């Protein structure tokens, strides 16, 4: 005859198994590696970077998750502005999985019904560009300023309180430029005559 303790132990084991099975199927987030970028659709193909240990006929083996196709990318964008970057094969990203099927929303925008009833599925991924592993840390990280820079450090916009520094091998400015209220393109110095002498700085 089974005892109450044994019944409780069996019940706890069943609950533990159910919880483990549920969590195994629940997708939340995983690092990924970009395989290709579609600039027209602004989607990527991503290889999840973490293998999963799966039991097959009593044998445990490591399996890579399948390629994730047509994954929308996530960049800072709001208020009529966006920050874009080139995306290269091999770039790392963080893949997150939506609660529900995103197909209709992705195709048409606005508020949509679900095309399929599914939760945290591999098909409903977003790729957030910008996370990286230790082999790809940013060299020369500036801990005292905001920077927009190339990884090699050759070009950078560095901002601190009251100061902005532009550093690059070449800087091109297109359009009208105003410095301290003075138009750079239309500004003329008075009191000078033609000749070989140079004018002074802008006053």
C-alpha atoms as a PDB file:
ATOM      1  CA  UNK A   1       0.000   0.000   0.000  1.00  0.00           C
ATOM      2  CA  UNK A   2       1.352   3.443  -0.968  1.00  0.00           C
ATOM      3  CA  UNK A   3       1.946   5.848   1.887  1.00  0.00           C
ATOM      4  CA  UNK A   4       0.867   9.498   2.052  1.00  0.00           C
ATOM      5  CA  UNK A   5       4.526  10.548   1.910  1.00  0.00           C
ATOM      6  CA  UNK A   6       5.067   8.522  -1.247  1.00  0.00           C
ATOM      7  CA  UNK A   7       1.932  10.048  -2.803  1.00  0.00           C
ATOM      8  CA  UNK A   8       3.190  13.542  -1.967  1.00  0.00           C
ATOM      9  CA  UNK A   9       6.630  12.750  -3.364  1.00  0.00           C
ATOM     10  CA  UNK A  10       5.083  11.423  -6.596  1.00  0.00           C
ATOM     11  CA  UNK A  11       2.895  14.534  -6.862  1.00  0.00           C
ATOM     12  CA  UNK A  12       5.874  16.829  -6.356  1.00  0.00           C
ATOM     13  CA  UNK A  13       7.869  14.882  -8.947  1.00  0.00           C
ATOM     14  CA  UNK A  14       5.021  15.211 -11.454  1.00  0.00           C
ATOM     15  CA  UNK A  15       4.771  18.947 -10.810  1.00  0.00           C
ATOM     16  CA  UNK A  16       8.531  19.334 -11.176  1.00  0.00           C
ATOM     17  CA  UNK A  17       8.473  17.431 -14.489  1.00  0.00           C
ATOM     18  CA  UNK A  18       5.580  19.551 -15.753  1.00  0.00           C
ATOM     19  CA  UNK A  19       7.383  22.750 -14.763  1.00  0.00           C
ATOM     20  CA  UNK A  20      10.586  21.651 -16.474  1.00  0.00           C
ATOM     21  CA  UNK A  21       8.706  20.664 -19.661  1.00  0.00           C
ATOM     22  CA  UNK A  22       6.863  23.989 -19.702  1.00  0.00           C
ATOM     23  CA  UNK A  23      10.015  26.045 -19.151  1.00  0.00           C
ATOM     24  CA  UNK A  24      11.830  24.093 -21.871  1.00  0.00           C
ATOM     25  CA  UNK A  25       9.188  25.106 -24.402  1.00  0.00           C
ATOM     26  CA  UNK A  26       8.955  28.734 -23.212  1.00  0.00           C
ATOM     27  CA  UNK A  27      11.181  31.004 -25.293  1.00  0.00           C
ATOM     28  CA  UNK A  28      12.237  34.311 -23.739  1.00  0.00           C
ATOM     29  CA  UNK A  29      15.647  35.498 -24.960  1.00  0.00           C
ATOM     30  CA  UNK A  30      18.887  34.088 -26.345  1.00  0.00           C
ATOM     31  CA  UNK A  31      22.081  35.587 -27.801  1.00  0.00           C
ATOM     32  CA  UNK A  32      22.381  35.158 -31.529  1.00  0.00           C
ATOM     33  CA  UNK A  33      24.796  35.623 -34.428  1.00  0.00           C
ATOM     34  CA  UNK A  34      23.704  37.429 -37.589  1.00  0.00           C
ATOM     35  CA  UNK A  35      23.926  35.284 -40.721  1.00  0.00           C
ATOM     36  CA  UNK A  36      22.510  37.790 -43.237  1.00  0.00           C
ATOM     37  CA  UNK A  37      20.779  41.174 -43.401  1.00  0.00           C
ATOM     38  CA  UNK A  38      17.955  42.250 -45.713  1.00  0.00           C
ATOM     39  CA  UNK A  39      18.250  46.039 -45.945  1.00  0.00           C
ATOM     40  CA  UNK A  40      14.960  46.411 -47.856  1.00  0.00           C
ATOM     41  CA  UNK A  41      12.845  44.450 -45.363  1.00  0.00           C
ATOM     42  CA  UNK A  42      15.149  45.426 -42.461  1.00  0.00           C
ATOM     43  CA  UNK A  43      15.192  41.888 -41.133  1.00  0.00           C
ATOM     44  CA  UNK A  44      17.980  39.460 -40.328  1.00  0.00           C
ATOM     45  CA  UNK A  45      18.597  35.751 -40.365  1.00  0.00           C
ATOM     46  CA  UNK A  46      19.959  34.737 -36.948  1.00  0.00           C
ATOM     47  CA  UNK A  47      21.656  31.636 -35.584  1.00  0.00           C
ATOM     48  CA  UNK A  48      20.858  31.241 -31.865  1.00  0.00           C
ATOM     49  CA  UNK A  49      24.230  31.024 -30.112  1.00  0.00           C
ATOM     50  CA  UNK A  50      23.269  28.603 -27.309  1.00  0.00           C
ATOM     51  CA  UNK A  51      22.830  24.888 -28.011  1.00  0.00           C
ATOM     52  CA  UNK A  52      20.216  22.866 -26.132  1.00  0.00           C
ATOM     53  CA  UNK A  53      20.721  19.501 -24.419  1.00  0.00           C
ATOM     54  CA  UNK A  54      18.024  17.127 -25.658  1.00  0.00           C
ATOM     55  CA  UNK A  55      17.314  13.574 -24.511  1.00  0.00           C
ATOM     56  CA  UNK A  56      16.719  11.210 -27.437  1.00  0.00           C
ATOM     57  CA  UNK A  57      15.973   7.592 -26.567  1.00  0.00           C
ATOM     58  CA  UNK A  58      17.820   7.926 -23.282  1.00  0.00           C
ATOM     59  CA  UNK A  59      20.858   9.587 -24.873  1.00  0.00           C
ATOM     60  CA  UNK A  60      21.559  13.257 -24.205  1.00  0.00           C
ATOM     61  CA  UNK A  61      22.963  15.248 -27.129  1.00  0.00           C
ATOM     62  CA  UNK A  62      23.635  18.927 -27.818  1.00  0.00           C
ATOM     63  CA  UNK A  63      21.605  20.442 -30.656  1.00  0.00           C
ATOM     64  CA  UNK A  64      21.755  23.900 -32.221  1.00  0.00           C
ATOM     65  CA  UNK A  65      18.450  25.696 -32.572  1.00  0.00           C
ATOM     66  CA  UNK A  66      17.367  26.250 -36.199  1.00  0.00           C
ATOM     67  CA  UNK A  67      18.096  29.458 -38.083  1.00  0.00           C
ATOM     68  CA  UNK A  68      15.578  32.186 -37.303  1.00  0.00           C
ATOM     69  CA  UNK A  69      14.360  33.761 -40.556  1.00  0.00           C
ATOM     70  CA  UNK A  70      12.910  37.215 -41.283  1.00  0.00           C
ATOM     71  CA  UNK A  71      13.622  38.537 -37.793  1.00  0.00           C
ATOM     72  CA  UNK A  72      12.773  42.260 -37.411  1.00  0.00           C
ATOM     73  CA  UNK A  73      15.669  44.363 -36.118  1.00  0.00           C
ATOM     74  CA  UNK A  74      15.464  46.793 -33.190  1.00  0.00           C
ATOM     75  CA  UNK A  75      17.249  50.168 -33.331  1.00  0.00           C
ATOM     76  CA  UNK A  76      16.467  53.377 -31.389  1.00  0.00           C
ATOM     77  CA  UNK A  77      13.618  55.043 -33.326  1.00  0.00           C
ATOM     78  CA  UNK A  78      10.989  57.577 -32.270  1.00  0.00           C
ATOM     79  CA  UNK A  79       9.553  61.001 -33.028  1.00  0.00           C
ATOM     80  CA  UNK A  80      10.501  60.978 -36.702  1.00  0.00           C
ATOM     81  CA  UNK A  81      14.149  60.039 -36.072  1.00  0.00           C
ATOM     82  CA  UNK A  82      16.146  56.807 -36.180  1.00  0.00           C
ATOM     83  CA  UNK A  83      19.720  55.692 -35.522  1.00  0.00           C
ATOM     84  CA  UNK A  84      20.837  53.200 -38.163  1.00  0.00           C
ATOM     85  CA  UNK A  85      23.990  51.128 -38.451  1.00  0.00           C
ATOM     86  CA  UNK A  86      25.330  48.721 -41.044  1.00  0.00           C
ATOM     87  CA  UNK A  87      24.717  45.105 -40.047  1.00  0.00           C
ATOM     88  CA  UNK A  88      27.332  42.515 -40.977  1.00  0.00           C
ATOM     89  CA  UNK A  89      27.442  38.735 -40.968  1.00  0.00           C
ATOM     90  CA  UNK A  90      28.925  37.661 -37.640  1.00  0.00           C
ATOM     91  CA  UNK A  91      27.504  40.574 -35.625  1.00  0.00           C
ATOM     92  CA  UNK A  92      26.097  39.500 -32.285  1.00  0.00           C
ATOM     93  CA  UNK A  93      22.602  40.357 -31.070  1.00  0.00           C
ATOM     94  CA  UNK A  94      20.034  39.540 -28.420  1.00  0.00           C
ATOM     95  CA  UNK A  95      16.990  37.680 -29.724  1.00  0.00           C
ATOM     96  CA  UNK A  96      13.763  38.099 -27.753  1.00  0.00           C
ATOM     97  CA  UNK A  97      10.512  36.239 -28.411  1.00  0.00           C
ATOM     98  CA  UNK A  98       7.121  37.926 -28.400  1.00  0.00           C
ATOM     99  CA  UNK A  99       4.243  36.683 -26.253  1.00  0.00           C
ATOM    100  CA  UNK A 100       2.050  36.149 -29.317  1.00  0.00           C
ATOM    101  CA  UNK A 101       2.200  35.619 -33.077  1.00  0.00           C
ATOM    102  CA  UNK A 102       3.542  38.837 -34.662  1.00  0.00           C
ATOM    103  CA  UNK A 103       2.944  37.953 -38.330  1.00  0.00           C
ATOM    104  CA  UNK A 104      -0.098  40.190 -38.993  1.00  0.00           C
ATOM    105  CA  UNK A 105       1.360  43.136 -37.064  1.00  0.00           C
ATOM    106  CA  UNK A 106       4.726  42.834 -38.846  1.00  0.00           C
ATOM    107  CA  UNK A 107       3.007  42.726 -42.245  1.00  0.00           C
ATOM    108  CA  UNK A 108       0.460  45.510 -41.731  1.00  0.00           C
ATOM    109  CA  UNK A 109       1.301  47.444 -38.547  1.00  0.00           C
ATOM    110  CA  UNK A 110      -1.413  48.877 -36.269  1.00  0.00           C
ATOM    111  CA  UNK A 111      -3.429  46.517 -34.008  1.00  0.00           C
ATOM    112  CA  UNK A 112      -4.056  43.061 -35.484  1.00  0.00           C
ATOM    113  CA  UNK A 113      -5.534  39.682 -34.611  1.00  0.00           C
ATOM    114  CA  UNK A 114      -3.175  36.737 -34.288  1.00  0.00           C
ATOM    115  CA  UNK A 115      -2.779  34.691 -37.447  1.00  0.00           C
ATOM    116  CA  UNK A 116      -1.914  31.679 -35.274  1.00  0.00           C
ATOM    117  CA  UNK A 117      -2.406  31.090 -31.561  1.00  0.00           C
ATOM    118  CA  UNK A 118       1.100  30.517 -30.215  1.00  0.00           C
ATOM    119  CA  UNK A 119       3.160  31.763 -27.272  1.00  0.00           C
ATOM    120  CA  UNK A 120       6.881  32.622 -27.071  1.00  0.00           C
ATOM    121  CA  UNK A 121       7.548  30.824 -30.337  1.00  0.00           C
ATOM    122  CA  UNK A 122      10.785  30.732 -32.312  1.00  0.00           C
ATOM    123  CA  UNK A 123       8.844  32.277 -35.201  1.00  0.00           C
ATOM    124  CA  UNK A 124       8.126  35.485 -33.263  1.00  0.00           C
ATOM    125  CA  UNK A 125      11.618  36.818 -32.662  1.00  0.00           C
ATOM    126  CA  UNK A 126      13.086  40.330 -32.591  1.00  0.00           C
ATOM    127  CA  UNK A 127      16.827  40.975 -32.919  1.00  0.00           C
ATOM    128  CA  UNK A 128      18.209  43.716 -30.662  1.00  0.00           C
ATOM    129  CA  UNK A 129      21.579  44.717 -32.066  1.00  0.00           C
ATOM    130  CA  UNK A 130      24.286  45.743 -29.639  1.00  0.00           C
ATOM    131  CA  UNK A 131      25.003  42.963 -27.153  1.00  0.00           C
ATOM    132  CA  UNK A 132      28.385  41.222 -27.381  1.00  0.00           C
ATOM    133  CA  UNK A 133      30.482  38.451 -25.894  1.00  0.00           C
ATOM    134  CA  UNK A 134      33.843  38.891 -24.165  1.00  0.00           C
ATOM    135  CA  UNK A 135      35.935  38.246 -27.311  1.00  0.00           C
ATOM    136  CA  UNK A 136      34.199  41.290 -28.844  1.00  0.00           C
ATOM    137  CA  UNK A 137      34.419  43.854 -26.034  1.00  0.00           C
ATOM    138  CA  UNK A 138      34.884  47.506 -27.035  1.00  0.00           C
ATOM    139  CA  UNK A 139      38.549  48.514 -26.783  1.00  0.00           C
ATOM    140  CA  UNK A 140      39.421  51.863 -25.230  1.00  0.00           C
ATOM    141  CA  UNK A 141      35.996  52.217 -23.595  1.00  0.00           C
ATOM    142  CA  UNK A 142      35.485  55.832 -22.460  1.00  0.00           C
ATOM    143  CA  UNK A 143      34.061  55.705 -18.934  1.00  0.00           C
ATOM    144  CA  UNK A 144      33.601  59.477 -18.613  1.00  0.00           C
ATOM    145  CA  UNK A 145      31.669  60.483 -21.710  1.00  0.00           C
ATOM    146  CA  UNK A 146      28.935  59.558 -24.160  1.00  0.00           C
ATOM    147  CA  UNK A 147      30.434  58.332 -27.423  1.00  0.00           C
ATOM    148  CA  UNK A 148      29.249  57.438 -30.882  1.00  0.00           C
ATOM    149  CA  UNK A 149      32.300  55.814 -32.423  1.00  0.00           C
ATOM    150  CA  UNK A 150      33.728  53.247 -34.765  1.00  0.00           C
ATOM    151  CA  UNK A 151      34.969  50.102 -33.051  1.00  0.00           C
ATOM    152  CA  UNK A 152      38.533  50.812 -34.134  1.00  0.00           C
ATOM    153  CA  UNK A 153      38.343  54.272 -32.534  1.00  0.00           C
ATOM    154  CA  UNK A 154      39.259  56.050 -35.786  1.00  0.00           C
ATOM    155  CA  UNK A 155      36.103  58.162 -35.734  1.00  0.00           C
ATOM    156  CA  UNK A 156      34.215  59.362 -32.686  1.00  0.00           C
ATOM    157  CA  UNK A 157      31.763  61.929 -31.394  1.00  0.00           C
ATOM    158  CA  UNK A 158      32.529  62.378 -27.697  1.00  0.00           C
ATOM    159  CA  UNK A 159      30.150  64.327 -25.479  1.00  0.00           C
ATOM    160  CA  UNK A 160      30.752  65.486 -21.915  1.00  0.00           C
ATOM    161  CA  UNK A 161      28.981  68.182 -19.912  1.00  0.00           C
ATOM    162  CA  UNK A 162      29.419  71.384 -21.926  1.00  0.00           C
ATOM    163  CA  UNK A 163      31.733  69.855 -24.552  1.00  0.00           C
ATOM    164  CA  UNK A 164      31.420  67.925 -27.819  1.00  0.00           C
ATOM    165  CA  UNK A 165      34.523  66.624 -29.582  1.00  0.00           C
ATOM    166  CA  UNK A 166      34.545  65.402 -33.193  1.00  0.00           C
ATOM    167  CA  UNK A 167      37.446  63.159 -34.115  1.00  0.00           C
ATOM    168  CA  UNK A 168      37.948  61.669 -37.592  1.00  0.00           C
ATOM    169  CA  UNK A 169      40.373  61.524 -40.474  1.00  0.00           C
ATOM    170  CA  UNK A 170      37.899  63.500 -42.588  1.00  0.00           C
ATOM    171  CA  UNK A 171      34.776  65.497 -41.699  1.00  0.00           C
ATOM    172  CA  UNK A 172      32.296  66.577 -44.389  1.00  0.00           C
ATOM    173  CA  UNK A 173      29.526  69.082 -43.690  1.00  0.00           C
ATOM    174  CA  UNK A 174      26.686  69.441 -46.211  1.00  0.00           C
ATOM    175  CA  UNK A 175      24.283  72.369 -45.929  1.00  0.00           C
ATOM    176  CA  UNK A 176      24.290  75.755 -44.268  1.00  0.00           C
ATOM    177  CA  UNK A 177      26.476  75.942 -41.158  1.00  0.00           C
ATOM    178  CA  UNK A 178      26.037  78.534 -38.422  1.00  0.00           C
ATOM    179  CA  UNK A 179      28.674  79.048 -35.696  1.00  0.00           C
ATOM    180  CA  UNK A 180      27.884  81.373 -32.783  1.00  0.00           C
ATOM    181  CA  UNK A 181      25.123  82.951 -34.877  1.00  0.00           C
ATOM    182  CA  UNK A 182      27.397  83.620 -37.847  1.00  0.00           C
ATOM    183  CA  UNK A 183      26.790  81.890 -41.193  1.00  0.00           C
ATOM    184  CA  UNK A 184      29.950  80.042 -42.172  1.00  0.00           C
ATOM    185  CA  UNK A 185      29.205  79.972 -45.913  1.00  0.00           C
ATOM    186  CA  UNK A 186      27.896  83.521 -46.275  1.00  0.00           C
ATOM    187  CA  UNK A 187      30.200  85.278 -43.827  1.00  0.00           C
ATOM    188  CA  UNK A 188      32.520  87.989 -45.186  1.00  0.00           C
ATOM    189  CA  UNK A 189      35.273  89.988 -43.481  1.00  0.00           C
ATOM    190  CA  UNK A 190      35.219  93.727 -43.929  1.00  0.00           C
ATOM    191  CA  UNK A 191      38.225  96.053 -44.114  1.00  0.00           C
ATOM    192  CA  UNK A 192      40.406  93.760 -46.219  1.00  0.00           C
ATOM    193  CA  UNK A 193      41.900  94.178 -49.674  1.00  0.00           C
ATOM    194  CA  UNK A 194      42.756  91.626 -52.319  1.00  0.00           C
ATOM    195  CA  UNK A 195      46.300  90.366 -52.166  1.00  0.00           C
ATOM    196  CA  UNK A 196      48.537  87.668 -50.765  1.00  0.00           C
ATOM    197  CA  UNK A 197      47.780  88.377 -47.090  1.00  0.00           C
ATOM    198  CA  UNK A 198      45.484  86.174 -45.005  1.00  0.00           C
ATOM    199  CA  UNK A 199      42.421  87.361 -43.096  1.00  0.00           C
ATOM    200  CA  UNK A 200      42.081  86.884 -39.383  1.00  0.00           C
ATOM    201  CA  UNK A 201      39.701  84.433 -37.738  1.00  0.00           C
ATOM    202  CA  UNK A 202      35.952  84.868 -37.645  1.00  0.00           C
ATOM    203  CA  UNK A 203      34.957  87.713 -35.314  1.00  0.00           C
END
